[in-house]
N, C-alpha and C. Protein backbone atom coordinates (compact mmCIF):
# COMPACT_ATOMS: atom_id res chain seq x y z
N MET A 1 0.82 -1.19 0.00
CA MET A 1 0.00 0.00 0.00
C MET A 1 0.87 1.26 0.00
N GLY A 2 2.03 1.23 0.64
CA GLY A 2 2.89 2.40 0.67
C GLY A 2 3.42 2.78 -0.70
N GLY A 3 3.67 1.76 -1.54
CA GLY A 3 4.19 2.04 -2.88
C GLY A 3 3.19 2.79 -3.74
N ALA A 4 1.91 2.49 -3.57
CA ALA A 4 0.88 3.18 -4.35
C ALA A 4 0.81 4.66 -3.99
N TRP A 5 0.97 4.97 -2.72
CA TRP A 5 0.97 6.38 -2.30
C TRP A 5 2.18 7.11 -2.85
N PHE A 6 3.32 6.42 -2.89
CA PHE A 6 4.54 7.03 -3.42
C PHE A 6 4.38 7.34 -4.90
N VAL A 7 3.79 6.42 -5.65
CA VAL A 7 3.54 6.65 -7.08
C VAL A 7 2.56 7.80 -7.27
N ALA A 8 1.51 7.84 -6.45
CA ALA A 8 0.53 8.92 -6.55
C ALA A 8 1.17 10.27 -6.25
N LEU A 9 2.05 10.30 -5.27
CA LEU A 9 2.74 11.55 -4.93
C LEU A 9 3.61 12.02 -6.08
N ILE A 10 4.34 11.11 -6.70
CA ILE A 10 5.18 11.47 -7.84
C ILE A 10 4.32 11.96 -9.01
N GLN A 11 3.21 11.27 -9.27
CA GLN A 11 2.34 11.68 -10.37
C GLN A 11 1.68 13.03 -10.10
N PHE A 12 1.49 13.39 -8.86
CA PHE A 12 0.98 14.72 -8.52
C PHE A 12 2.07 15.77 -8.62
N ALA A 13 3.30 15.42 -8.23
CA ALA A 13 4.39 16.38 -8.20
C ALA A 13 4.83 16.80 -9.60
N ILE A 14 4.80 15.89 -10.56
CA ILE A 14 5.27 16.21 -11.90
C ILE A 14 4.42 17.31 -12.56
N PRO A 15 3.09 17.16 -12.64
CA PRO A 15 2.32 18.25 -13.25
C PRO A 15 2.30 19.52 -12.39
N SER A 16 2.42 19.38 -11.07
CA SER A 16 2.46 20.57 -10.22
C SER A 16 3.73 21.38 -10.50
N GLY A 17 4.85 20.69 -10.64
CA GLY A 17 6.09 21.37 -10.98
C GLY A 17 6.05 21.99 -12.37
N ALA A 18 5.43 21.28 -13.30
CA ALA A 18 5.31 21.83 -14.65
C ALA A 18 4.42 23.07 -14.65
N LEU A 19 3.36 23.04 -13.87
CA LEU A 19 2.48 24.20 -13.78
C LEU A 19 3.20 25.39 -13.16
N ALA A 20 3.88 25.16 -12.04
CA ALA A 20 4.59 26.26 -11.37
C ALA A 20 5.70 26.81 -12.26
N GLY A 21 6.44 25.92 -12.91
CA GLY A 21 7.51 26.38 -13.79
C GLY A 21 6.98 27.13 -15.00
N GLY A 22 5.90 26.64 -15.57
CA GLY A 22 5.31 27.31 -16.73
C GLY A 22 4.74 28.67 -16.39
N LEU A 23 4.06 28.76 -15.25
CA LEU A 23 3.51 30.05 -14.85
C LEU A 23 4.61 31.06 -14.55
N SER A 24 5.65 30.60 -13.86
CA SER A 24 6.74 31.54 -13.57
C SER A 24 7.48 31.93 -14.84
N PHE A 25 7.63 31.01 -15.78
CA PHE A 25 8.28 31.33 -17.05
C PHE A 25 7.48 32.38 -17.82
N ASN A 26 6.16 32.21 -17.85
CA ASN A 26 5.32 33.14 -18.61
C ASN A 26 5.22 34.51 -17.97
N HIS A 27 5.21 34.56 -16.64
CA HIS A 27 4.96 35.83 -15.97
C HIS A 27 6.22 36.57 -15.55
N ILE A 28 7.32 35.86 -15.31
CA ILE A 28 8.52 36.52 -14.80
C ILE A 28 9.63 36.53 -15.84
N GLY A 29 9.91 35.37 -16.43
CA GLY A 29 10.97 35.33 -17.43
C GLY A 29 11.62 33.97 -17.50
N TRP A 30 12.58 33.83 -18.40
CA TRP A 30 13.20 32.53 -18.67
C TRP A 30 14.00 32.02 -17.48
N TRP A 31 14.52 32.88 -16.63
CA TRP A 31 15.36 32.46 -15.52
C TRP A 31 14.56 32.01 -14.30
N SER A 32 13.29 32.35 -14.23
CA SER A 32 12.49 32.06 -13.04
C SER A 32 12.30 30.57 -12.74
N PRO A 33 12.11 29.67 -13.73
CA PRO A 33 12.00 28.26 -13.36
C PRO A 33 13.27 27.71 -12.70
N PHE A 34 14.43 28.23 -13.11
CA PHE A 34 15.68 27.79 -12.49
C PHE A 34 15.77 28.25 -11.04
N MET A 35 15.37 29.49 -10.78
CA MET A 35 15.37 29.98 -9.41
C MET A 35 14.32 29.26 -8.57
N LEU A 36 13.17 28.98 -9.14
CA LEU A 36 12.12 28.26 -8.43
C LEU A 36 12.61 26.86 -8.05
N SER A 37 13.26 26.18 -8.97
CA SER A 37 13.76 24.84 -8.66
C SER A 37 14.87 24.89 -7.61
N ALA A 38 15.70 25.93 -7.65
CA ALA A 38 16.75 26.07 -6.64
C ALA A 38 16.16 26.31 -5.26
N VAL A 39 15.12 27.13 -5.18
CA VAL A 39 14.47 27.41 -3.90
C VAL A 39 13.79 26.16 -3.35
N VAL A 40 13.12 25.41 -4.21
CA VAL A 40 12.45 24.18 -3.77
C VAL A 40 13.48 23.15 -3.32
N PHE A 41 14.59 23.03 -4.05
CA PHE A 41 15.64 22.09 -3.67
C PHE A 41 16.25 22.47 -2.33
N LEU A 42 16.50 23.75 -2.12
CA LEU A 42 17.05 24.22 -0.86
C LEU A 42 16.08 23.97 0.30
N ALA A 43 14.81 24.25 0.08
CA ALA A 43 13.81 24.03 1.12
C ALA A 43 13.69 22.55 1.46
N SER A 44 13.75 21.69 0.46
CA SER A 44 13.65 20.25 0.74
C SER A 44 14.87 19.74 1.49
N SER A 45 16.03 20.28 1.18
CA SER A 45 17.23 19.85 1.91
C SER A 45 17.22 20.37 3.34
N ILE A 46 16.69 21.57 3.55
CA ILE A 46 16.58 22.12 4.91
C ILE A 46 15.60 21.29 5.73
N LEU A 47 14.54 20.81 5.11
CA LEU A 47 13.59 19.96 5.83
C LEU A 47 14.09 18.54 6.03
N ALA A 48 14.88 18.04 5.09
CA ALA A 48 15.31 16.64 5.14
C ALA A 48 16.28 16.37 6.28
N VAL A 49 17.19 17.28 6.56
CA VAL A 49 18.20 17.03 7.58
C VAL A 49 17.58 16.88 8.97
N PRO A 50 16.74 17.81 9.43
CA PRO A 50 16.14 17.60 10.76
C PRO A 50 15.23 16.38 10.82
N LEU A 51 14.50 16.10 9.74
CA LEU A 51 13.64 14.93 9.74
C LEU A 51 14.44 13.64 9.77
N MET A 52 15.58 13.62 9.11
CA MET A 52 16.44 12.44 9.14
C MET A 52 16.98 12.23 10.55
N ARG A 53 17.40 13.30 11.19
CA ARG A 53 17.91 13.19 12.56
C ARG A 53 16.81 12.77 13.54
N TRP A 54 15.61 13.29 13.33
CA TRP A 54 14.48 12.94 14.19
C TRP A 54 14.11 11.46 14.03
N SER A 55 14.10 10.98 12.78
CA SER A 55 13.75 9.58 12.57
C SER A 55 14.83 8.65 13.08
N ALA A 56 16.09 9.08 13.10
CA ALA A 56 17.17 8.26 13.63
C ALA A 56 17.05 8.10 15.15
N THR A 57 16.53 9.11 15.83
CA THR A 57 16.36 9.00 17.28
C THR A 57 15.17 8.12 17.64
N LYS A 58 14.21 7.99 16.74
CA LYS A 58 13.02 7.16 16.99
C LYS A 58 13.32 5.67 16.82
N ALA A 59 14.31 5.34 16.01
CA ALA A 59 14.59 3.92 15.72
C ALA A 59 15.40 3.25 16.80
């Protein structure tokens, strides 16, 4: 059951990213999707480190 949720999350993330990138490209400029992806990558790495440490203490 966990694998199905993971697939659903990926299938939701792909069009969401395409929508956000396309809207930023159309409204701001060609460089905005690159900045958007950099911000999302940075935010995910900032969230991943504390969550990884938290899950290590639970195990």
